[in-house]
N, C-alpha and C. Protein backbone atom coordinates (compact mmCIF):
# COMPACT_ATOMS: atom_id res chain seq x y z
N MET A 1 186.67 9.22 159.60
CA MET A 1 185.95 10.35 160.18
C MET A 1 186.00 11.56 159.25
N LYS A 2 187.17 11.80 158.66
CA LYS A 2 187.32 12.94 157.76
C LYS A 2 186.41 12.78 156.53
N LEU A 3 186.31 11.59 156.00
CA LEU A 3 185.44 11.33 154.86
C LEU A 3 183.98 11.60 155.22
N ARG A 4 183.59 11.20 156.41
CA ARG A 4 182.22 11.42 156.87
C ARG A 4 181.91 12.92 156.95
N VAL A 5 182.85 13.72 157.42
CA VAL A 5 182.66 15.17 157.52
C VAL A 5 182.52 15.77 156.12
N HIS A 6 183.37 15.30 155.19
CA HIS A 6 183.30 15.81 153.81
C HIS A 6 181.96 15.45 153.15
N LEU A 7 181.50 14.23 153.36
CA LEU A 7 180.22 13.81 152.80
C LEU A 7 179.07 14.63 153.38
N PHE A 8 179.12 14.86 154.69
CA PHE A 8 178.08 15.67 155.33
C PHE A 8 178.11 17.10 154.79
N SER A 9 179.29 17.65 154.60
CA SER A 9 179.43 18.99 154.05
C SER A 9 178.89 19.06 152.63
N LEU A 10 179.18 18.03 151.84
CA LEU A 10 178.67 17.96 150.48
C LEU A 10 177.14 17.89 150.48
N PHE A 11 176.59 17.08 151.38
CA PHE A 11 175.14 16.96 151.51
C PHE A 11 174.51 18.31 151.84
N LEU A 12 175.08 19.05 152.78
CA LEU A 12 174.55 20.36 153.15
C LEU A 12 174.63 21.34 151.99
N THR A 13 175.71 21.29 151.22
CA THR A 13 175.87 22.18 150.07
C THR A 13 174.80 21.89 149.02
N VAL A 14 174.60 20.62 148.71
CA VAL A 14 173.58 20.23 147.72
C VAL A 14 172.20 20.64 148.21
N ALA A 15 171.90 20.42 149.48
CA ALA A 15 170.60 20.79 150.04
C ALA A 15 170.39 22.30 149.96
N PHE A 16 171.43 23.07 150.26
CA PHE A 16 171.32 24.53 150.20
C PHE A 16 171.09 24.99 148.76
N LEU A 17 171.87 24.45 147.81
CA LEU A 17 171.71 24.86 146.42
C LEU A 17 170.34 24.46 145.87
N SER A 18 169.84 23.31 146.29
CA SER A 18 168.52 22.87 145.86
C SER A 18 167.44 23.83 146.36
N SER A 19 167.60 24.34 147.57
CA SER A 19 166.60 25.26 148.09
C SER A 19 166.62 26.58 147.34
N LEU A 20 167.77 26.96 146.79
CA LEU A 20 167.86 28.20 146.02
C LEU A 20 167.18 28.08 144.66
N THR A 21 167.27 26.93 144.05
CA THR A 21 166.72 26.77 142.71
C THR A 21 165.21 26.55 142.74
N GLY A 22 164.65 26.21 143.87
CA GLY A 22 163.21 26.02 143.96
C GLY A 22 162.79 24.65 143.46
N ARG A 23 161.49 24.45 143.46
CA ARG A 23 160.96 23.17 143.04
C ARG A 23 160.74 23.14 141.54
N ALA A 24 160.69 21.97 140.99
CA ALA A 24 160.51 21.80 139.55
C ALA A 24 159.13 22.27 139.12
N GLN A 25 159.09 22.95 137.99
CA GLN A 25 157.82 23.38 137.42
C GLN A 25 157.24 22.26 136.57
N SER A 26 155.93 22.17 136.56
CA SER A 26 155.27 21.23 135.64
C SER A 26 154.00 21.87 135.13
N PHE A 27 153.68 21.55 133.88
CA PHE A 27 152.47 22.07 133.24
C PHE A 27 152.04 21.02 132.22
N ASP A 28 150.83 20.53 132.38
CA ASP A 28 150.33 19.46 131.53
C ASP A 28 149.30 20.00 130.54
N ILE A 29 149.46 19.67 129.25
CA ILE A 29 148.46 19.98 128.24
C ILE A 29 147.77 18.67 127.88
N PRO A 30 146.55 18.48 128.37
CA PRO A 30 145.85 17.22 128.11
C PRO A 30 145.05 17.27 126.82
N ALA A 31 144.40 16.18 126.51
CA ALA A 31 143.44 16.18 125.40
C ALA A 31 142.32 17.14 125.77
N PRO A 32 141.68 17.77 124.79
CA PRO A 32 140.63 18.74 125.10
C PRO A 32 139.45 18.10 125.81
N THR A 33 138.86 18.86 126.72
CA THR A 33 137.68 18.36 127.42
C THR A 33 136.44 18.54 126.56
N THR A 34 136.44 19.57 125.71
CA THR A 34 135.29 19.84 124.86
C THR A 34 135.76 20.45 123.55
N TRP A 35 135.13 20.05 122.46
CA TRP A 35 135.35 20.65 121.14
C TRP A 35 134.08 21.36 120.77
N ARG A 36 134.13 22.69 120.66
CA ARG A 36 132.94 23.47 120.31
C ARG A 36 132.91 23.68 118.80
N CYS A 37 132.05 22.96 118.13
CA CYS A 37 131.99 23.00 116.67
C CYS A 37 131.53 24.35 116.14
N ASP A 38 130.66 25.03 116.88
CA ASP A 38 130.13 26.30 116.41
C ASP A 38 131.20 27.38 116.31
N SER A 39 132.21 27.31 117.16
CA SER A 39 133.23 28.36 117.17
C SER A 39 134.61 27.87 116.75
N GLY A 40 134.77 26.56 116.54
CA GLY A 40 136.08 26.03 116.17
C GLY A 40 137.10 26.19 117.28
N ALA A 41 136.68 25.95 118.52
CA ALA A 41 137.57 26.16 119.66
C ALA A 41 137.59 24.92 120.57
N TYR A 42 138.73 24.70 121.16
CA TYR A 42 138.87 23.66 122.18
C TYR A 42 138.69 24.29 123.55
N GLU A 43 138.16 23.51 124.47
CA GLU A 43 138.19 23.85 125.89
C GLU A 43 139.18 22.89 126.52
N LEU A 44 140.17 23.44 127.20
CA LEU A 44 141.21 22.61 127.80
C LEU A 44 141.26 22.83 129.31
N LYS A 45 141.52 21.76 130.03
CA LYS A 45 141.75 21.83 131.47
C LYS A 45 142.93 20.92 131.76
N GLY A 46 143.86 21.40 132.56
CA GLY A 46 145.04 20.60 132.86
C GLY A 46 145.54 20.86 134.26
N THR A 47 146.68 20.29 134.57
CA THR A 47 147.28 20.45 135.89
C THR A 47 148.59 21.20 135.79
N TYR A 48 148.99 21.78 136.91
CA TYR A 48 150.27 22.48 136.97
C TYR A 48 150.81 22.41 138.39
N ALA A 49 152.10 22.68 138.53
CA ALA A 49 152.73 22.76 139.84
C ALA A 49 153.89 23.75 139.77
N ASN A 50 154.00 24.57 140.79
CA ASN A 50 155.10 25.51 140.94
C ASN A 50 155.24 26.48 139.77
N VAL A 51 154.12 26.95 139.26
CA VAL A 51 154.09 27.90 138.15
C VAL A 51 153.22 29.08 138.57
N GLU A 52 153.66 30.30 138.28
CA GLU A 52 152.82 31.47 138.54
C GLU A 52 151.76 31.51 137.45
N ILE A 53 150.62 30.96 137.76
CA ILE A 53 149.58 30.69 136.77
C ILE A 53 149.03 31.95 136.12
N ASP A 54 149.12 33.09 136.79
CA ASP A 54 148.61 34.34 136.23
C ASP A 54 149.38 34.79 134.99
N HIS A 55 150.55 34.22 134.77
CA HIS A 55 151.40 34.64 133.66
C HIS A 55 151.62 33.52 132.65
N VAL A 56 150.64 32.63 132.49
CA VAL A 56 150.74 31.53 131.54
C VAL A 56 149.74 31.74 130.41
N TRP A 57 150.23 31.60 129.19
CA TRP A 57 149.41 31.80 127.99
C TRP A 57 149.57 30.58 127.09
N LEU A 58 148.52 30.21 126.38
CA LEU A 58 148.60 29.15 125.39
C LEU A 58 148.86 29.77 124.03
N CYS A 59 149.64 29.08 123.22
CA CYS A 59 149.97 29.54 121.86
C CYS A 59 149.84 28.37 120.90
N LEU A 60 149.47 28.68 119.67
CA LEU A 60 149.45 27.68 118.60
C LEU A 60 150.55 28.03 117.62
N LYS A 61 151.24 27.03 117.13
CA LYS A 61 152.32 27.24 116.16
C LYS A 61 151.93 26.57 114.85
N ASP A 62 152.14 27.29 113.73
CA ASP A 62 151.83 26.69 112.43
C ASP A 62 153.09 26.15 111.77
N ARG A 63 152.92 25.47 110.67
CA ARG A 63 154.06 24.82 110.00
C ARG A 63 155.00 25.83 109.35
N PHE A 64 154.62 27.11 109.33
CA PHE A 64 155.47 28.15 108.76
C PHE A 64 156.30 28.85 109.84
N GLY A 65 156.14 28.41 111.08
CA GLY A 65 156.92 28.98 112.18
C GLY A 65 156.24 30.15 112.88
N ASN A 66 155.00 30.44 112.53
CA ASN A 66 154.27 31.53 113.18
C ASN A 66 153.60 31.01 114.44
N VAL A 67 153.57 31.87 115.46
CA VAL A 67 152.95 31.52 116.74
C VAL A 67 151.78 32.47 116.97
N TYR A 68 150.65 31.91 117.38
CA TYR A 68 149.43 32.68 117.63
C TYR A 68 149.07 32.57 119.11
N VAL A 69 149.18 33.69 119.82
CA VAL A 69 148.84 33.70 121.24
C VAL A 69 147.32 33.58 121.37
N GLN A 70 146.88 32.73 122.29
CA GLN A 70 145.46 32.52 122.53
C GLN A 70 145.02 33.39 123.70
N TYR A 71 144.01 34.21 123.47
CA TYR A 71 143.53 35.12 124.51
C TYR A 71 142.28 34.56 125.14
N PRO A 72 142.08 34.78 126.40
CA PRO A 72 142.95 35.40 127.40
C PRO A 72 143.99 34.40 127.91
N ALA A 73 144.73 34.80 128.94
CA ALA A 73 145.68 33.89 129.59
C ALA A 73 144.89 32.74 130.21
N VAL A 74 145.57 31.65 130.53
CA VAL A 74 144.87 30.54 131.21
C VAL A 74 144.38 31.04 132.56
N SER A 75 143.35 30.41 133.06
CA SER A 75 142.85 30.79 134.37
C SER A 75 142.99 29.62 135.33
N GLN A 76 143.03 29.97 136.59
CA GLN A 76 143.19 28.97 137.64
C GLN A 76 141.84 28.37 137.97
N ALA A 77 141.74 27.04 137.85
CA ALA A 77 140.50 26.34 138.17
C ALA A 77 140.50 25.87 139.63
N SER A 78 141.67 25.52 140.13
CA SER A 78 141.84 25.11 141.53
C SER A 78 143.31 25.31 141.87
N LEU A 79 143.73 24.85 143.02
CA LEU A 79 145.12 25.06 143.43
C LEU A 79 146.14 24.39 142.51
N SER A 80 145.72 23.37 141.78
CA SER A 80 146.67 22.67 140.91
C SER A 80 146.12 22.47 139.50
N GLU A 81 145.01 23.12 139.16
CA GLU A 81 144.41 22.93 137.84
C GLU A 81 144.22 24.27 137.14
N TRP A 82 144.41 24.25 135.81
CA TRP A 82 144.20 25.43 134.98
C TRP A 82 143.14 25.10 133.94
N GLU A 83 142.58 26.16 133.31
CA GLU A 83 141.60 25.95 132.26
C GLU A 83 141.69 27.09 131.25
N HIS A 84 141.26 26.79 130.04
CA HIS A 84 141.19 27.78 128.96
C HIS A 84 140.03 27.37 128.07
N PHE A 85 139.12 28.30 127.79
CA PHE A 85 137.91 27.97 127.07
C PHE A 85 137.86 28.48 125.64
N ASN A 86 138.99 28.94 125.11
CA ASN A 86 138.92 29.55 123.79
C ASN A 86 140.18 29.29 122.97
N VAL A 87 140.62 28.06 122.87
CA VAL A 87 141.78 27.73 122.04
C VAL A 87 141.29 27.58 120.60
N ARG A 88 141.54 28.59 119.80
CA ARG A 88 140.99 28.69 118.43
C ARG A 88 141.84 27.88 117.46
N VAL A 89 141.24 26.89 116.84
CA VAL A 89 141.98 26.02 115.92
C VAL A 89 141.39 26.02 114.51
N LEU A 90 140.70 27.10 114.14
CA LEU A 90 140.23 27.21 112.76
C LEU A 90 141.44 27.30 111.84
N GLY A 91 141.39 26.68 110.69
CA GLY A 91 142.56 26.61 109.83
C GLY A 91 143.54 25.58 110.36
N LYS A 92 143.00 24.58 111.02
CA LYS A 92 143.76 23.56 111.73
C LYS A 92 144.77 22.83 110.85
N GLU A 93 144.55 22.78 109.55
CA GLU A 93 145.44 22.00 108.68
C GLU A 93 146.88 22.52 108.69
N ASN A 94 147.08 23.81 109.00
CA ASN A 94 148.42 24.37 109.05
C ASN A 94 149.01 24.43 110.45
N LEU A 95 148.19 24.18 111.47
CA LEU A 95 148.66 24.24 112.85
C LEU A 95 149.32 22.91 113.23
N ILE A 96 150.46 23.01 113.92
CA ILE A 96 151.18 21.78 114.26
C ILE A 96 151.41 21.57 115.75
N ARG A 97 151.45 22.66 116.55
CA ARG A 97 151.76 22.51 117.97
C ARG A 97 150.91 23.44 118.82
N ILE A 98 150.67 23.01 120.05
CA ILE A 98 150.14 23.89 121.08
C ILE A 98 151.20 23.99 122.15
N MET A 99 151.43 25.21 122.62
CA MET A 99 152.47 25.44 123.63
C MET A 99 151.89 26.25 124.78
N ALA A 100 152.40 25.99 125.96
CA ALA A 100 152.10 26.82 127.12
C ALA A 100 153.36 27.60 127.42
N ILE A 101 153.24 28.92 127.46
CA ILE A 101 154.40 29.75 127.76
C ILE A 101 154.17 30.52 129.05
N SER A 102 155.25 30.77 129.73
CA SER A 102 155.22 31.56 130.95
C SER A 102 156.05 32.82 130.70
N VAL A 103 155.59 33.93 131.22
CA VAL A 103 156.32 35.19 131.11
C VAL A 103 156.34 35.84 132.49
N ASP A 104 157.21 36.84 132.65
CA ASP A 104 157.20 37.57 133.92
C ASP A 104 156.18 38.70 133.85
N LYS A 105 156.15 39.54 134.86
CA LYS A 105 155.14 40.60 134.95
C LYS A 105 155.18 41.53 133.74
N LYS A 106 156.38 41.91 133.30
CA LYS A 106 156.49 42.81 132.14
C LYS A 106 156.02 42.11 130.86
N GLY A 107 156.38 40.86 130.68
CA GLY A 107 155.93 40.10 129.52
C GLY A 107 154.42 39.94 129.52
N ASN A 108 153.85 39.75 130.71
CA ASN A 108 152.41 39.61 130.85
C ASN A 108 151.70 40.91 130.44
N GLN A 109 152.28 42.03 130.81
CA GLN A 109 151.69 43.33 130.44
C GLN A 109 151.68 43.50 128.92
N VAL A 110 152.74 43.05 128.24
CA VAL A 110 152.79 43.12 126.78
C VAL A 110 151.66 42.29 126.18
N LEU A 111 151.48 41.07 126.68
CA LEU A 111 150.43 40.20 126.14
C LEU A 111 149.03 40.74 126.45
N GLN A 112 148.86 41.34 127.60
CA GLN A 112 147.56 41.94 127.92
C GLN A 112 147.27 43.11 126.99
N LYS A 113 148.29 43.88 126.64
CA LYS A 113 148.12 44.99 125.70
C LYS A 113 147.75 44.44 124.31
N TRP A 114 148.43 43.37 123.89
CA TRP A 114 148.10 42.74 122.61
C TRP A 114 146.65 42.27 122.61
N GLU A 115 146.22 41.72 123.74
CA GLU A 115 144.84 41.24 123.84
C GLU A 115 143.85 42.41 123.69
N GLU A 116 144.13 43.53 124.36
CA GLU A 116 143.28 44.72 124.25
C GLU A 116 143.21 45.22 122.81
N GLU A 117 144.34 45.11 122.09
CA GLU A 117 144.40 45.56 120.70
C GLU A 117 143.85 44.53 119.73
N ASN A 118 143.46 43.35 120.28
CA ASN A 118 142.95 42.24 119.47
C ASN A 118 143.97 41.82 118.40
N ARG A 119 145.23 41.77 118.80
CA ARG A 119 146.30 41.39 117.89
C ARG A 119 146.30 39.87 117.73
N VAL A 120 145.98 39.40 116.54
CA VAL A 120 145.87 37.96 116.32
C VAL A 120 146.83 37.44 115.26
N ARG A 121 147.57 38.30 114.64
CA ARG A 121 148.47 37.82 113.59
C ARG A 121 149.59 36.97 114.19
N GLY A 122 150.14 36.12 113.36
CA GLY A 122 151.21 35.25 113.80
C GLY A 122 152.51 36.01 114.02
N VAL A 123 153.27 35.57 115.00
CA VAL A 123 154.57 36.15 115.33
C VAL A 123 155.57 35.01 115.34
N LYS A 124 156.75 35.24 114.83
CA LYS A 124 157.79 34.21 114.88
C LYS A 124 158.18 33.94 116.33
N LEU A 125 158.48 32.68 116.63
CA LEU A 125 158.85 32.29 117.98
C LEU A 125 160.05 33.08 118.47
N SER A 126 161.03 33.30 117.60
CA SER A 126 162.22 34.07 118.00
C SER A 126 161.84 35.50 118.40
N LYS A 127 160.85 36.08 117.74
CA LYS A 127 160.38 37.43 118.08
C LYS A 127 159.68 37.43 119.43
N LEU A 128 158.87 36.39 119.70
CA LEU A 128 158.22 36.30 121.01
C LEU A 128 159.27 36.24 122.12
N LYS A 129 160.28 35.44 121.93
CA LYS A 129 161.35 35.32 122.94
C LYS A 129 162.03 36.66 123.17
N GLU A 130 162.17 37.43 122.11
CA GLU A 130 162.82 38.73 122.18
C GLU A 130 161.95 39.78 122.87
N VAL A 131 160.66 39.78 122.57
CA VAL A 131 159.74 40.82 123.04
C VAL A 131 159.19 40.55 124.44
N LEU A 132 159.00 39.28 124.79
CA LEU A 132 158.35 38.94 126.05
C LEU A 132 159.38 38.65 127.14
N SER A 133 159.41 39.51 128.11
CA SER A 133 160.34 39.37 129.23
C SER A 133 160.00 38.12 130.04
N GLY A 134 161.01 37.35 130.39
CA GLY A 134 160.82 36.15 131.19
C GLY A 134 160.25 34.97 130.43
N PHE A 135 160.32 34.99 129.10
CA PHE A 135 159.73 33.96 128.24
C PHE A 135 160.30 32.58 128.56
N LEU A 136 159.39 31.62 128.73
CA LEU A 136 159.78 30.23 128.98
C LEU A 136 158.68 29.32 128.44
N ILE A 137 159.06 28.32 127.66
CA ILE A 137 158.09 27.32 127.20
C ILE A 137 157.94 26.28 128.31
N LEU A 138 156.74 26.20 128.87
CA LEU A 138 156.47 25.25 129.95
C LEU A 138 156.13 23.86 129.41
N ALA A 139 155.42 23.83 128.29
CA ALA A 139 154.99 22.56 127.71
C ALA A 139 154.69 22.78 126.24
N SER A 140 154.83 21.72 125.47
CA SER A 140 154.55 21.77 124.04
C SER A 140 154.04 20.41 123.61
N LYS A 141 153.01 20.41 122.77
CA LYS A 141 152.41 19.14 122.35
C LYS A 141 151.98 19.26 120.90
N SER A 142 152.16 18.19 120.17
CA SER A 142 151.70 18.14 118.78
C SER A 142 150.18 18.21 118.74
N LEU A 143 149.65 18.99 117.80
CA LEU A 143 148.19 19.05 117.67
C LEU A 143 147.61 17.73 117.18
N ASP A 144 148.45 16.88 116.59
CA ASP A 144 147.98 15.55 116.18
C ASP A 144 147.52 14.74 117.39
N GLU A 145 148.07 15.09 118.55
CA GLU A 145 147.71 14.37 119.78
C GLU A 145 146.37 14.82 120.33
N LEU A 146 145.87 15.96 119.86
CA LEU A 146 144.56 16.44 120.30
C LEU A 146 143.50 15.94 119.36
N GLU A 147 142.43 15.47 119.89
CA GLU A 147 141.35 14.94 119.06
C GLU A 147 140.15 15.86 119.15
N GLY A 148 139.29 15.76 118.16
CA GLY A 148 138.05 16.50 118.21
C GLY A 148 137.72 17.11 116.87
N ASP A 149 136.69 16.65 116.27
CA ASP A 149 136.20 17.20 115.01
C ASP A 149 134.68 17.19 115.04
N CYS A 150 134.10 17.99 114.19
CA CYS A 150 132.65 18.05 114.12
C CYS A 150 132.14 17.15 113.01
């Protein structure tokens, strides 16, 4: 009987702690839906769960360690789908990864300001982590996995 009480207590503790941590986040970066040859941009649509979609941005990383934020932020296509119509991959030979990052409200404000200033230069990943409040990499994929050429 005592063992049963301890097991039940352990079960309640695990259930309580699980409710505090929330549900698992997921963010999928699929193959591009469209490759626009005229502008050198991918159109991407993917799925997500348990992510504040208003604060998700796509970034490209080059082989020199520079990260290029893609403007604007991803947009919500439906309750579980996101889309982005302007993933710029010109100079693709040096690009190696596409990443989806999440930031908090303050980090989002920084990125929106960068967008207004049309800031497109590369930033080191370590600098992004330092400057953007709530920085989290949700997903990362090799650009070799993305297809599409003109």
